Protein backbone atom coordinates (compact mmCIF):
# COMPACT_ATOMS: atom_id res chain seq x y z
CA MET A 1 -5.22 21.39 -26.13
CA SER A 2 -1.54 20.84 -25.37
CA LEU A 3 1.23 23.39 -25.81
CA SER A 4 3.65 22.84 -28.64
CA THR A 5 7.02 21.28 -27.86
CA THR A 6 10.06 22.94 -29.41
CA ALA A 7 13.71 23.28 -28.47
CA ARG A 8 12.92 26.67 -26.97
CA THR A 9 9.88 25.60 -24.98
CA THR A 10 11.23 22.32 -23.56
CA LEU A 11 12.38 22.79 -19.98
CA SER A 12 15.95 21.67 -19.34
CA ARG A 13 15.71 21.81 -15.54
CA LEU A 14 12.94 20.94 -13.08
CA ARG A 15 10.76 19.54 -15.83
CA GLU A 16 8.17 18.42 -13.33
CA ARG A 17 7.17 22.06 -12.97
CA ALA A 18 6.15 22.36 -16.62
CA ARG A 19 2.50 22.77 -17.53
CA THR A 20 1.57 21.48 -20.94
CA ASP A 21 -2.10 22.43 -21.23
CA ARG A 22 -2.83 25.54 -23.26
CA ALA A 23 -5.42 26.53 -20.66
CA ASP A 24 -2.59 26.92 -18.14
CA LEU A 25 -0.88 29.37 -20.51
CA HIS A 26 -4.07 31.36 -20.92
CA ALA A 27 -4.59 31.44 -17.13
CA VAL A 28 -1.10 32.85 -16.44
CA LEU A 29 -1.48 35.50 -19.14
CA ASP A 30 -5.01 36.48 -18.13
CA ALA A 31 -3.99 36.99 -14.50
CA GLY A 32 -1.22 39.46 -15.30
CA LEU A 33 -0.98 43.20 -15.65
CA VAL A 34 2.51 43.64 -17.11
CA CYS A 35 4.56 41.61 -19.53
CA HIS A 36 8.22 41.94 -20.55
CA VAL A 37 9.14 41.91 -24.22
CA GLY A 38 12.70 41.07 -25.19
CA LEU A 39 14.24 41.68 -28.58
CA ILE A 40 17.55 42.61 -30.21
CA ARG A 41 18.08 46.30 -30.96
CA ASP A 42 21.32 47.57 -32.49
CA GLY A 43 22.97 44.24 -31.80
CA ALA A 44 22.12 44.20 -28.07
CA PRO A 45 19.27 42.63 -26.12
CA VAL A 46 16.55 44.93 -24.80
CA VAL A 47 13.81 43.87 -22.39
CA LEU A 48 10.93 46.29 -21.90
CA PRO A 49 7.89 46.17 -19.57
CA THR A 50 4.55 46.98 -21.11
CA GLY A 51 0.84 46.32 -20.86
CA TYR A 52 -0.76 43.61 -22.96
CA GLY A 53 -3.98 41.83 -23.79
CA ARG A 54 -4.99 38.43 -25.11
CA ILE A 55 -7.56 37.39 -27.68
CA ASP A 56 -7.72 33.62 -28.14
CA ASP A 57 -4.16 32.55 -29.02
CA THR A 58 -2.76 36.00 -29.80
CA VAL A 59 -1.20 38.52 -27.42
CA TYR A 60 -1.30 42.21 -28.28
CA VAL A 61 1.10 44.94 -27.11
CA HIS A 62 1.16 48.59 -28.06
CA GLY A 63 3.17 51.76 -27.83
CA SER A 64 3.91 55.11 -29.39
CA THR A 65 4.83 55.02 -33.09
CA GLY A 66 7.85 57.12 -32.07
CA ALA A 67 9.24 54.47 -29.73
CA GLY A 68 12.53 53.11 -30.97
CA TRP A 69 11.81 49.45 -30.28
CA LEU A 70 8.46 49.57 -32.04
CA ARG A 71 10.06 50.90 -35.21
CA ILE A 72 12.15 47.71 -35.51
CA ALA A 73 9.73 45.18 -34.06
CA ASP A 74 7.70 44.28 -37.13
CA GLY A 75 8.73 40.76 -38.13
CA ALA A 76 11.47 40.65 -35.49
CA PRO A 77 11.76 37.62 -33.21
CA VAL A 78 10.68 38.52 -29.70
CA CYS A 79 10.34 36.79 -26.35
CA LEU A 80 7.39 37.78 -24.19
CA THR A 81 7.24 36.79 -20.50
CA VAL A 82 4.72 37.07 -17.68
CA THR A 83 5.54 36.08 -14.11
CA HIS A 84 3.51 35.94 -10.87
CA VAL A 85 5.25 35.53 -7.50
CA ASP A 86 2.83 33.68 -5.19
CA GLY A 87 5.08 33.09 -2.19
CA ILE A 88 8.59 33.22 -0.76
CA VAL A 89 9.78 29.73 0.16
CA TYR A 90 11.90 29.67 3.32
CA ALA A 91 13.96 26.49 3.63
CA ARG A 92 16.26 25.07 6.28
CA SER A 93 19.19 25.61 3.92
CA VAL A 94 19.79 28.67 1.81
CA PHE A 95 20.30 26.36 -1.19
CA HIS A 96 16.66 25.35 -1.11
CA HIS A 97 15.17 28.84 -0.59
CA SER A 98 12.90 29.50 -3.54
CA MET A 99 9.68 31.11 -4.72
CA ASN A 100 6.25 29.77 -5.54
CA TYR A 101 5.44 31.22 -8.94
CA ARG A 102 3.60 30.95 -12.24
CA SER A 103 5.44 31.97 -15.38
CA ALA A 104 4.81 31.96 -19.12
CA VAL A 105 7.38 32.42 -21.90
CA VAL A 106 6.27 33.08 -25.48
CA HIS A 107 8.51 33.02 -28.55
CA GLY A 108 7.62 34.29 -31.98
CA PRO A 109 7.78 37.14 -34.48
CA ALA A 110 6.04 40.41 -33.69
CA ARG A 111 3.49 41.34 -36.32
CA LEU A 112 2.50 44.98 -36.89
CA VAL A 113 -1.30 45.13 -36.94
CA THR A 114 -2.49 47.08 -39.98
CA ASP A 115 -6.14 46.01 -40.17
CA PRO A 116 -8.20 48.75 -38.45
CA ALA A 117 -10.68 46.31 -36.94
CA GLU A 118 -7.96 44.10 -35.48
CA GLU A 119 -6.07 47.12 -34.21
CA LEU A 120 -9.13 48.36 -32.34
CA ALA A 121 -9.80 44.88 -30.97
CA GLY A 122 -6.18 44.60 -29.82
CA LEU A 123 -6.34 47.95 -28.06
CA ARG A 124 -9.56 46.95 -26.38
CA ALA A 125 -7.95 43.72 -25.16
CA ILE A 126 -5.00 45.70 -23.70
CA VAL A 127 -7.30 48.17 -21.94
CA GLU A 128 -9.56 45.44 -20.56
CA GLN A 129 -6.57 43.40 -19.32
CA LEU A 130 -5.43 46.34 -17.17
CA SER A 131 -8.77 47.92 -16.27
CA PRO A 132 -11.79 45.73 -17.01
CA GLY A 133 -14.88 47.70 -17.97
CA SER A 134 -12.99 50.79 -19.05
CA TRP A 135 -13.50 50.33 -22.79
CA GLU A 136 -17.24 50.83 -22.42
CA HIS A 137 -16.85 53.58 -19.82
CA ALA A 138 -14.15 55.80 -21.35
CA ARG A 139 -13.95 57.55 -24.74
CA GLU A 140 -12.57 55.36 -27.51
CA PRO A 141 -9.39 56.50 -29.32
CA ASP A 142 -9.85 59.02 -32.13
CA ARG A 143 -8.03 59.05 -35.46
CA ARG A 144 -5.17 61.17 -34.19
CA GLU A 145 -4.57 58.85 -31.23
CA LEU A 146 -4.80 55.73 -33.41
CA ALA A 147 -2.27 57.26 -35.85
CA ALA A 148 0.13 57.78 -32.95
CA THR A 149 -0.23 54.22 -31.66
CA ALA A 150 1.32 51.01 -33.01
CA VAL A 151 -0.18 47.65 -32.11
CA PHE A 152 1.74 44.39 -32.43
CA ALA A 153 0.44 40.82 -32.35
CA ILE A 154 2.40 37.83 -31.08
CA ASP A 155 1.08 34.34 -31.74
CA LEU A 156 0.98 31.90 -28.82
CA ALA A 157 1.94 28.91 -30.96
CA GLU A 158 5.34 28.52 -29.26
CA ALA A 159 5.14 28.94 -25.53
CA SER A 160 6.00 27.29 -22.21
CA VAL A 161 4.56 27.49 -18.71
CA LYS A 162 6.33 26.73 -15.46
CA VAL A 163 4.75 26.61 -12.00
CA ARG A 164 6.10 25.98 -8.48
CA THR A 165 3.77 25.39 -5.55
CA GLY A 166 4.04 23.95 -2.06
CA PRO A 167 6.60 23.84 0.78
CA PRO A 168 10.38 23.86 0.58
CA SER A 169 12.27 20.85 -0.74
CA ASP A 170 14.66 20.43 2.15
CA ASP A 171 17.13 17.57 2.41
CA GLU A 172 16.29 14.88 4.91
CA PRO A 173 19.36 15.55 7.14
CA ASP A 174 18.34 19.21 7.49
CA ILE A 175 14.79 18.20 8.41
CA ALA A 176 16.02 15.69 10.95
CA ALA A 177 18.43 18.21 12.52
CA GLY A 178 15.59 20.54 13.49
CA GLY A 179 16.04 24.00 14.97
CA ARG A 180 15.34 25.98 11.81
CA TRP A 181 11.99 27.31 10.62
CA ALA A 182 10.79 26.45 7.15
CA GLY A 183 7.63 27.32 5.25
CA VAL A 184 6.05 29.70 2.77
CA LEU A 185 5.25 33.40 3.10
CA PRO A 186 2.40 34.05 0.65
CA VAL A 187 2.63 37.08 -1.65
CA ARG A 188 -0.58 38.79 -2.74
CA THR A 189 -1.35 41.89 -4.79
CA VAL A 190 -4.43 43.81 -3.65
CA PHE A 191 -6.05 47.04 -4.80
CA GLY A 192 -6.33 49.98 -2.43
CA GLY A 193 -9.11 52.52 -2.21
CA PRO A 194 -9.76 54.55 -5.41
CA GLU A 195 -8.19 58.05 -5.45
CA PRO A 196 -10.46 60.33 -7.54
CA ASP A 197 -8.97 62.80 -10.01
CA PRO A 198 -9.03 66.21 -8.28
CA THR A 199 -10.78 67.72 -11.33
CA LEU A 200 -13.85 65.53 -10.81
CA PRO A 201 -16.91 67.26 -9.36
CA PRO A 202 -17.17 66.85 -5.60
CA GLY A 203 -19.10 63.77 -4.58
CA SER A 204 -18.56 61.89 -7.83
CA SER A 205 -19.30 58.22 -7.33
CA VAL A 206 -16.82 55.48 -8.15
CA PRO A 207 -18.09 53.51 -11.18
CA ALA A 208 -18.96 49.88 -10.69
CA HIS A 209 -16.17 48.54 -12.93
CA VAL A 210 -13.65 50.18 -10.55
CA ALA A 211 -15.43 49.38 -7.28
CA ASP A 212 -15.86 45.73 -8.26
CA ARG A 213 -12.07 45.25 -8.12
CA LEU A 214 -11.78 46.21 -4.46
CA PRO A 215 -11.25 43.48 -1.85
CA GLY A 216 -14.21 42.43 0.20
C-alpha cells in the first residue's frame, strides 16, 4: 500500500530519496528506539524525545499526566519523527559531504487514549518497542500507575519517508582531480553486556529476552 501524498508529505528537494510504500514507513518506525514529537506550546514550538510503539497504522506515545505538553496534546496537531544515521558520507568536496540515513515524518492530531483496552495495548507496544519480551517478563502496570500515565495515539495516514544510501555524489572534476579520499564510514548501534541491578541475588541469570539482543 502506498503512502498518502499531501502538501506536507511531498518532498520538495531530492525527491528521488522518497519512499512511497507504507512498508518502508513501518520498517523505519519499527527499527527505532526514540522518536521526537513536535507541537506548539504557549505559542512556541517544542520538540521532545520520547519512546513509542506501533500497532498497525497507529503510533503510541506516553508520559506522566503531570507533564505540561501532555496536558495540551489532546487534539493538537503534532509532528512525529524517527531518524536512523547509517553512515557518514565523506566526499571530495565539503559541499557533497552527507549522511546515509532513513527517516520518517508523521503529521496528524494527537488523540488521548481513553479506552482501557487500547491504553494497555498502546503501553505494551511502547514497552515492546524498547525492550522486546519485557511485557511478559515484568509486572504489568497497576491502577495507580495507569492513572498517572497518559497515552496518545497518532494515526499514520499522513507520513513521508526519505532514505539515502550509497557513496558520495561528487562532481566529475573533483573525481578526475584525484588526491582526496571519498567513501562511507558506517554507523552502527550495538548493545553491550547486561549490567545486573545490584539488588539482584548473586548469580542471577540474564533472561533470554535480554540475552537475545546481544551481538553474536
